[in-house]
Amino acid sequence: MLSAINNMLPAITVSALDFKRIESLLDALPSSYDDVKDRLFDELDRAAVVEPVAVPPTLVTMNSRVRFSVLATGVTMVKTLVYPKDVAADENNISILTPLGSALLGLSIGQEIEWQIDAQKTMRVRIDAIEYQPERAGDFHL
């Protein structure tokens, strides 16, 4: 499960289209993915859901190219949040099924999230910019 430190998870927003697609993806996964499914269903359960045309341009949605910083190291990365079928298309793609991918979903510029990576390590990232967002570009088919 995505376990934020001190249970202080930031508010997130998800488009209705992303919500439906992620829910369908999770329903189709085999039981060997139960931990992943639980983590993402927890994220979806706490999300405010809006229609794609109402998505703010500062929000991380599926297929968004996101610039974020790892706060402990100061390293900045640019990744595109994608469905598992699209991961191999670009080395900068990150699957929604990964802990980082599910943590990024629904965050806005300036928001931070910290979660347990394993029993002894945490990671905290901050959203710095949305370099591309399908909703902002009118690409609702992605």
N, C-alpha and C. Protein backbone atom coordinates (compact mmCIF):
# COMPACT_ATOMS: atom_id res chain seq x y z
N MET A 1 0.82 -1.18 0.00
CA MET A 1 0.00 0.00 0.00
C MET A 1 0.86 1.24 0.00
N LEU A 2 0.36 2.30 -0.59
CA LEU A 2 1.02 3.59 -0.51
C LEU A 2 0.80 4.08 0.90
N SER A 3 1.87 4.16 1.63
CA SER A 3 1.76 4.56 3.02
C SER A 3 2.52 5.85 3.23
N ALA A 4 1.81 6.92 3.30
CA ALA A 4 2.47 8.20 3.50
C ALA A 4 2.88 8.34 4.95
N ILE A 5 3.98 9.05 5.16
CA ILE A 5 4.47 9.28 6.49
C ILE A 5 3.43 10.08 7.26
N ASN A 6 3.19 9.67 8.50
CA ASN A 6 2.22 10.33 9.37
C ASN A 6 0.81 10.35 8.78
N ASN A 7 0.56 9.49 7.81
CA ASN A 7 -0.75 9.42 7.17
C ASN A 7 -1.23 10.77 6.65
N MET A 8 -0.32 11.63 6.26
CA MET A 8 -0.66 12.95 5.75
C MET A 8 -0.58 12.94 4.22
N LEU A 9 -1.52 12.29 3.60
CA LEU A 9 -1.55 12.25 2.15
C LEU A 9 -2.14 13.53 1.61
N PRO A 10 -1.53 14.10 0.58
CA PRO A 10 -2.08 15.32 0.00
C PRO A 10 -3.37 15.03 -0.75
N ALA A 11 -4.19 16.06 -0.88
CA ALA A 11 -5.42 15.94 -1.66
C ALA A 11 -5.06 15.69 -3.12
N ILE A 12 -5.83 14.83 -3.77
CA ILE A 12 -5.59 14.57 -5.19
C ILE A 12 -6.90 14.68 -5.97
N THR A 13 -6.74 14.93 -7.27
CA THR A 13 -7.87 15.00 -8.19
C THR A 13 -7.56 14.12 -9.38
N VAL A 14 -8.55 13.38 -9.85
CA VAL A 14 -8.39 12.46 -10.98
C VAL A 14 -9.53 12.72 -11.96
N SER A 15 -9.20 12.69 -13.24
CA SER A 15 -10.26 12.86 -14.24
C SER A 15 -11.15 11.61 -14.25
N ALA A 16 -12.40 11.81 -14.58
CA ALA A 16 -13.34 10.69 -14.64
C ALA A 16 -12.88 9.64 -15.65
N LEU A 17 -12.29 10.08 -16.74
CA LEU A 17 -11.80 9.16 -17.76
C LEU A 17 -10.64 8.33 -17.23
N ASP A 18 -9.66 8.98 -16.58
CA ASP A 18 -8.54 8.24 -15.97
C ASP A 18 -9.05 7.28 -14.91
N PHE A 19 -9.99 7.73 -14.09
CA PHE A 19 -10.55 6.90 -13.03
C PHE A 19 -11.12 5.61 -13.61
N LYS A 20 -11.94 5.76 -14.65
CA LYS A 20 -12.58 4.60 -15.27
C LYS A 20 -11.54 3.65 -15.89
N ARG A 21 -10.56 4.22 -16.59
CA ARG A 21 -9.53 3.39 -17.24
C ARG A 21 -8.65 2.67 -16.21
N ILE A 22 -8.27 3.35 -15.15
CA ILE A 22 -7.44 2.72 -14.12
C ILE A 22 -8.23 1.64 -13.40
N GLU A 23 -9.47 1.92 -13.08
CA GLU A 23 -10.32 0.93 -12.43
C GLU A 23 -10.45 -0.33 -13.30
N SER A 24 -10.64 -0.17 -14.60
CA SER A 24 -10.72 -1.31 -15.52
C SER A 24 -9.41 -2.08 -15.57
N LEU A 25 -8.30 -1.35 -15.60
CA LEU A 25 -6.98 -1.98 -15.58
C LEU A 25 -6.81 -2.82 -14.32
N LEU A 26 -7.14 -2.25 -13.18
CA LEU A 26 -6.97 -2.97 -11.92
C LEU A 26 -7.87 -4.20 -11.83
N ASP A 27 -9.09 -4.08 -12.32
CA ASP A 27 -10.02 -5.22 -12.30
C ASP A 27 -9.51 -6.38 -13.15
N ALA A 28 -8.72 -6.07 -14.19
CA ALA A 28 -8.21 -7.10 -15.09
C ALA A 28 -6.91 -7.74 -14.61
N LEU A 29 -6.27 -7.16 -13.60
CA LEU A 29 -5.00 -7.70 -13.13
C LEU A 29 -5.19 -8.99 -12.36
N PRO A 30 -4.26 -9.95 -12.49
CA PRO A 30 -4.34 -11.19 -11.73
C PRO A 30 -4.09 -10.96 -10.24
N SER A 31 -4.42 -11.94 -9.42
CA SER A 31 -4.28 -11.80 -7.97
C SER A 31 -2.83 -11.59 -7.52
N SER A 32 -1.86 -11.92 -8.35
CA SER A 32 -0.46 -11.69 -7.99
C SER A 32 -0.16 -10.19 -7.87
N TYR A 33 -1.05 -9.35 -8.35
CA TYR A 33 -0.90 -7.89 -8.27
C TYR A 33 -1.73 -7.28 -7.14
N ASP A 34 -2.14 -8.08 -6.17
CA ASP A 34 -3.05 -7.58 -5.13
C ASP A 34 -2.50 -6.37 -4.38
N ASP A 35 -1.20 -6.35 -4.08
CA ASP A 35 -0.63 -5.18 -3.38
C ASP A 35 -0.74 -3.93 -4.23
N VAL A 36 -0.44 -4.06 -5.52
CA VAL A 36 -0.53 -2.93 -6.45
C VAL A 36 -1.99 -2.47 -6.54
N LYS A 37 -2.88 -3.43 -6.67
CA LYS A 37 -4.29 -3.10 -6.77
C LYS A 37 -4.77 -2.36 -5.53
N ASP A 38 -4.38 -2.86 -4.36
CA ASP A 38 -4.79 -2.21 -3.11
C ASP A 38 -4.29 -0.78 -3.04
N ARG A 39 -3.02 -0.57 -3.41
CA ARG A 39 -2.43 0.77 -3.36
C ARG A 39 -3.18 1.73 -4.28
N LEU A 40 -3.45 1.28 -5.51
CA LEU A 40 -4.13 2.17 -6.46
C LEU A 40 -5.60 2.38 -6.13
N PHE A 41 -6.27 1.34 -5.65
CA PHE A 41 -7.66 1.53 -5.24
C PHE A 41 -7.74 2.51 -4.07
N ASP A 42 -6.76 2.45 -3.14
CA ASP A 42 -6.71 3.43 -2.05
C ASP A 42 -6.57 4.85 -2.60
N GLU A 43 -5.71 5.02 -3.61
CA GLU A 43 -5.55 6.33 -4.23
C GLU A 43 -6.86 6.79 -4.86
N LEU A 44 -7.50 5.92 -5.62
CA LEU A 44 -8.75 6.29 -6.28
C LEU A 44 -9.84 6.62 -5.26
N ASP A 45 -9.86 5.88 -4.14
CA ASP A 45 -10.87 6.11 -3.11
C ASP A 45 -10.78 7.50 -2.49
N ARG A 46 -9.58 8.06 -2.42
CA ARG A 46 -9.42 9.36 -1.78
C ARG A 46 -9.42 10.52 -2.78
N ALA A 47 -9.57 10.21 -4.06
CA ALA A 47 -9.49 11.24 -5.10
C ALA A 47 -10.82 11.95 -5.30
N ALA A 48 -10.72 13.26 -5.56
CA ALA A 48 -11.86 14.00 -6.09
C ALA A 48 -11.87 13.71 -7.58
N VAL A 49 -13.02 13.38 -8.13
CA VAL A 49 -13.13 13.01 -9.55
C VAL A 49 -13.83 14.15 -10.29
N VAL A 50 -13.20 14.59 -11.39
CA VAL A 50 -13.76 15.68 -12.21
C VAL A 50 -13.80 15.25 -13.67
N GLU A 51 -14.64 15.88 -14.43
CA GLU A 51 -14.71 15.59 -15.86
C GLU A 51 -13.41 16.07 -16.53
N PRO A 52 -12.97 15.39 -17.59
CA PRO A 52 -11.71 15.75 -18.25
C PRO A 52 -11.62 17.23 -18.65
N VAL A 53 -12.70 17.82 -19.10
CA VAL A 53 -12.66 19.23 -19.51
C VAL A 53 -12.49 20.17 -18.32
N ALA A 54 -12.71 19.68 -17.10
CA ALA A 54 -12.58 20.50 -15.90
C ALA A 54 -11.24 20.30 -15.18
N VAL A 55 -10.36 19.49 -15.77
CA VAL A 55 -9.06 19.21 -15.15
C VAL A 55 -8.20 20.47 -15.19
N PRO A 56 -7.68 20.90 -14.02
CA PRO A 56 -6.79 22.07 -14.02
C PRO A 56 -5.48 21.75 -14.76
N PRO A 57 -4.88 22.73 -15.41
CA PRO A 57 -3.64 22.49 -16.17
C PRO A 57 -2.43 22.18 -15.29
N THR A 58 -2.58 22.31 -13.99
CA THR A 58 -1.48 22.07 -13.04
C THR A 58 -1.50 20.67 -12.46
N LEU A 59 -2.38 19.81 -12.96
CA LEU A 59 -2.63 18.49 -12.38
C LEU A 59 -1.94 17.37 -13.15
N VAL A 60 -1.38 16.40 -12.42
CA VAL A 60 -0.79 15.21 -13.03
C VAL A 60 -1.92 14.24 -13.37
N THR A 61 -2.10 14.01 -14.67
CA THR A 61 -3.08 13.04 -15.15
C THR A 61 -2.33 11.95 -15.91
N MET A 62 -3.04 10.93 -16.32
CA MET A 62 -2.42 9.89 -17.12
C MET A 62 -1.90 10.50 -18.42
N ASN A 63 -0.74 10.06 -18.83
CA ASN A 63 -0.04 10.51 -20.04
C ASN A 63 0.50 11.94 -19.92
N SER A 64 0.54 12.46 -18.70
CA SER A 64 1.17 13.76 -18.46
C SER A 64 2.68 13.57 -18.36
N ARG A 65 3.41 14.55 -18.88
CA ARG A 65 4.87 14.59 -18.71
C ARG A 65 5.14 15.54 -17.55
N VAL A 66 5.74 15.00 -16.49
CA VAL A 66 5.84 15.69 -15.22
C VAL A 66 7.30 15.90 -14.84
N ARG A 67 7.63 17.12 -14.43
CA ARG A 67 8.94 17.39 -13.86
C ARG A 67 8.78 17.45 -12.35
N PHE A 68 9.58 16.64 -11.65
CA PHE A 68 9.49 16.60 -10.20
C PHE A 68 10.88 16.47 -9.61
N SER A 69 10.99 16.83 -8.33
CA SER A 69 12.27 16.76 -7.62
C SER A 69 12.19 15.75 -6.49
N VAL A 70 13.25 14.96 -6.35
CA VAL A 70 13.42 14.09 -5.19
C VAL A 70 14.05 14.97 -4.13
N LEU A 71 13.33 15.26 -3.06
CA LEU A 71 13.75 16.29 -2.13
C LEU A 71 15.01 15.92 -1.35
N ALA A 72 15.24 14.66 -1.06
CA ALA A 72 16.43 14.27 -0.29
C ALA A 72 17.72 14.47 -1.07
N THR A 73 17.64 14.37 -2.39
CA THR A 73 18.85 14.45 -3.21
C THR A 73 18.92 15.70 -4.08
N GLY A 74 17.78 16.35 -4.27
CA GLY A 74 17.73 17.50 -5.17
C GLY A 74 17.70 17.12 -6.64
N VAL A 75 17.67 15.84 -6.93
CA VAL A 75 17.64 15.37 -8.31
C VAL A 75 16.28 15.70 -8.92
N THR A 76 16.31 16.28 -10.12
CA THR A 76 15.09 16.58 -10.85
C THR A 76 14.93 15.56 -11.97
N MET A 77 13.72 15.07 -12.15
CA MET A 77 13.43 14.09 -13.19
C MET A 77 12.23 14.56 -14.00
N VAL A 78 12.17 14.10 -15.23
CA VAL A 78 10.99 14.30 -16.07
C VAL A 78 10.53 12.91 -16.50
N LYS A 79 9.30 12.57 -16.16
CA LYS A 79 8.72 11.27 -16.48
C LYS A 79 7.32 11.48 -17.04
N THR A 80 6.90 10.55 -17.89
CA THR A 80 5.54 10.55 -18.40
C THR A 80 4.80 9.40 -17.73
N LEU A 81 3.69 9.71 -17.07
CA LEU A 81 2.89 8.72 -16.36
C LEU A 81 2.02 7.98 -17.36
N VAL A 82 2.23 6.66 -17.49
CA VAL A 82 1.56 5.89 -18.53
C VAL A 82 0.95 4.60 -17.98
N TYR A 83 0.12 4.00 -18.81
CA TYR A 83 -0.41 2.67 -18.53
C TYR A 83 0.68 1.65 -18.83
N PRO A 84 0.63 0.47 -18.21
CA PRO A 84 1.69 -0.52 -18.37
C PRO A 84 2.03 -0.86 -19.83
N LYS A 85 1.03 -0.87 -20.70
CA LYS A 85 1.26 -1.23 -22.10
C LYS A 85 2.16 -0.23 -22.82
N ASP A 86 2.31 0.98 -22.27
CA ASP A 86 3.07 2.04 -22.93
C ASP A 86 4.46 2.28 -22.32
N VAL A 87 4.83 1.52 -21.31
CA VAL A 87 6.09 1.77 -20.61
C VAL A 87 7.29 1.63 -21.54
N ALA A 88 7.32 0.61 -22.35
CA ALA A 88 8.49 0.33 -23.19
C ALA A 88 8.68 1.34 -24.32
N ALA A 89 7.70 2.16 -24.60
CA ALA A 89 7.79 3.09 -25.72
C ALA A 89 8.84 4.18 -25.52
N ASP A 90 9.19 4.47 -24.26
CA ASP A 90 10.15 5.55 -23.98
C ASP A 90 10.77 5.27 -22.61
N GLU A 91 12.07 5.46 -22.51
CA GLU A 91 12.75 5.19 -21.24
C GLU A 91 12.33 6.15 -20.13
N ASN A 92 11.70 7.25 -20.47
CA ASN A 92 11.23 8.21 -19.48
C ASN A 92 9.78 7.98 -19.06
N ASN A 93 9.17 6.90 -19.54
CA ASN A 93 7.83 6.54 -19.12
C ASN A 93 7.88 5.83 -17.78
N ILE A 94 6.86 6.08 -16.97
CA ILE A 94 6.73 5.39 -15.69
C ILE A 94 5.30 4.87 -15.57
N SER A 95 5.18 3.61 -15.21
CA SER A 95 3.87 2.97 -15.13
C SER A 95 3.09 3.43 -13.91
N ILE A 96 1.78 3.55 -14.10
CA ILE A 96 0.88 3.85 -13.00
C ILE A 96 0.92 2.73 -11.95
N LEU A 97 1.40 1.54 -12.33
CA LEU A 97 1.45 0.41 -11.40
C LEU A 97 2.66 0.46 -10.46
N THR A 98 3.60 1.36 -10.70
CA THR A 98 4.75 1.48 -9.80
C THR A 98 4.37 2.37 -8.61
N PRO A 99 5.08 2.21 -7.49
CA PRO A 99 4.79 3.09 -6.35
C PRO A 99 4.93 4.58 -6.69
N LEU A 100 5.97 4.94 -7.44
CA LEU A 100 6.13 6.34 -7.82
C LEU A 100 5.02 6.79 -8.75
N GLY A 101 4.68 5.96 -9.72
CA GLY A 101 3.60 6.30 -10.65
C GLY A 101 2.28 6.54 -9.95
N SER A 102 1.93 5.64 -9.05
CA SER A 102 0.66 5.82 -8.34
C SER A 102 0.71 7.01 -7.39
N ALA A 103 1.89 7.32 -6.86
CA ALA A 103 2.03 8.49 -5.98
C ALA A 103 1.86 9.80 -6.75
N LEU A 104 2.34 9.85 -8.00
CA LEU A 104 2.26 11.08 -8.79
C LEU A 104 0.84 11.41 -9.24
N LEU A 105 0.04 10.37 -9.49
CA LEU A 105 -1.30 10.58 -10.03
C LEU A 105 -2.12 11.53 -9.16
N GLY A 106 -2.66 12.56 -9.80
CA GLY A 106 -3.59 13.44 -9.11
C GLY A 106 -2.97 14.58 -8.33
N LEU A 107 -1.64 14.62 -8.26
CA LEU A 107 -0.98 15.73 -7.56
C LEU A 107 -0.95 16.96 -8.45
N SER A 108 -0.79 18.11 -7.84
CA SER A 108 -0.69 19.38 -8.57
C SER A 108 0.68 20.00 -8.35
N ILE A 109 1.03 20.93 -9.20
CA ILE A 109 2.31 21.63 -9.08
C ILE A 109 2.43 22.20 -7.67
N GLY A 110 3.59 21.96 -7.07
CA GLY A 110 3.88 22.44 -5.73
C GLY A 110 3.58 21.44 -4.63
N GLN A 111 2.74 20.45 -4.92
CA GLN A 111 2.44 19.45 -3.91
C GLN A 111 3.60 18.48 -3.73
N GLU A 112 3.71 17.94 -2.52
CA GLU A 112 4.72 16.95 -2.18
C GLU A 112 4.04 15.72 -1.63
N ILE A 113 4.72 14.58 -1.80
CA ILE A 113 4.24 13.35 -1.19
C ILE A 113 5.45 12.54 -0.75
N GLU A 114 5.31 11.91 0.39
CA GLU A 114 6.35 11.03 0.93
C GLU A 114 5.69 9.69 1.24
N TRP A 115 6.39 8.61 0.90
CA TRP A 115 5.84 7.28 1.14
C TRP A 115 6.96 6.31 1.44
N GLN A 116 6.60 5.19 2.06
CA GLN A 116 7.54 4.11 2.37
C GLN A 116 7.90 3.38 1.09
N ILE A 117 9.20 3.29 0.79
CA ILE A 117 9.66 2.50 -0.34
C ILE A 117 9.85 1.06 0.12
N ASP A 118 10.44 0.91 1.29
CA ASP A 118 10.59 -0.40 1.92
C ASP A 118 10.59 -0.17 3.43
N ALA A 119 10.95 -1.19 4.20
CA ALA A 119 10.86 -1.10 5.65
C ALA A 119 11.73 0.01 6.24
N GLN A 120 12.80 0.38 5.54
CA GLN A 120 13.74 1.34 6.12
C GLN A 120 13.93 2.61 5.30
N LYS A 121 13.25 2.74 4.20
CA LYS A 121 13.52 3.87 3.31
C LYS A 121 12.23 4.55 2.87
N THR A 122 12.28 5.88 2.84
CA THR A 122 11.17 6.66 2.32
C THR A 122 11.66 7.52 1.16
N MET A 123 10.72 8.03 0.41
CA MET A 123 11.04 8.96 -0.67
C MET A 123 10.02 10.09 -0.62
N ARG A 124 10.50 11.30 -0.82
CA ARG A 124 9.62 12.46 -0.88
C ARG A 124 9.92 13.21 -2.17
N VAL A 125 8.86 13.49 -2.93
CA VAL A 125 9.01 14.22 -4.19
C VAL A 125 8.07 15.42 -4.19
N ARG A 126 8.44 16.41 -4.99
CA ARG A 126 7.63 17.61 -5.19
C ARG A 126 7.38 17.78 -6.68
N ILE A 127 6.15 18.07 -7.04
CA ILE A 127 5.80 18.34 -8.44
C ILE A 127 6.25 19.76 -8.77
N ASP A 128 7.14 19.89 -9.77
CA ASP A 128 7.67 21.20 -10.16
C ASP A 128 6.96 21.78 -11.37
N ALA A 129 6.57 20.94 -12.32
CA ALA A 129 5.92 21.44 -13.54
C ALA A 129 5.21 20.31 -14.26
N ILE A 130 4.20 20.67 -15.01
CA ILE A 130 3.54 19.74 -15.93
C ILE A 130 3.95 20.21 -17.32
N GLU A 131 4.85 19.46 -17.95
CA GLU A 131 5.35 19.87 -19.26
C GLU A 131 4.37 19.55 -20.39
N TYR A 132 3.55 18.55 -20.18
CA TYR A 132 2.50 18.21 -21.14
C TYR A 132 1.39 17.53 -20.37
N GLN A 133 0.17 17.90 -20.67
CA GLN A 133 -1.01 17.27 -20.08
C GLN A 133 -2.02 17.07 -21.19
N PRO A 134 -2.49 15.84 -21.42
CA PRO A 134 -3.43 15.59 -22.51
C PRO A 134 -4.69 16.45 -22.45
N GLU A 135 -5.23 16.65 -21.27
CA GLU A 135 -6.46 17.43 -21.14
C GLU A 135 -6.23 18.87 -21.56
N ARG A 136 -5.10 19.45 -21.16
CA ARG A 136 -4.79 20.83 -21.53
C ARG A 136 -4.61 20.95 -23.05
N ALA A 137 -4.05 19.89 -23.66
CA ALA A 137 -3.82 19.89 -25.11
C ALA A 137 -5.05 19.47 -25.91
N GLY A 138 -6.12 19.04 -25.22
CA GLY A 138 -7.32 18.59 -25.91
C GLY A 138 -7.19 17.17 -26.45
N ASP A 139 -6.20 16.43 -25.96
CA ASP A 139 -5.95 15.05 -26.40
C ASP A 139 -6.69 14.06 -25.50
N PHE A 140 -8.01 14.07 -25.55
CA PHE A 140 -8.79 13.24 -24.65
C PHE A 140 -8.78 11.76 -25.03
N HIS A 141 -8.24 11.43 -26.19
CA HIS A 141 -8.19 10.03 -26.64
C HIS A 141 -7.03 9.27 -26.01
N LEU A 142 -6.06 9.96 -25.41
CA LEU A 142 -4.88 9.29 -24.83
C LEU A 142 -5.21 8.64 -23.50
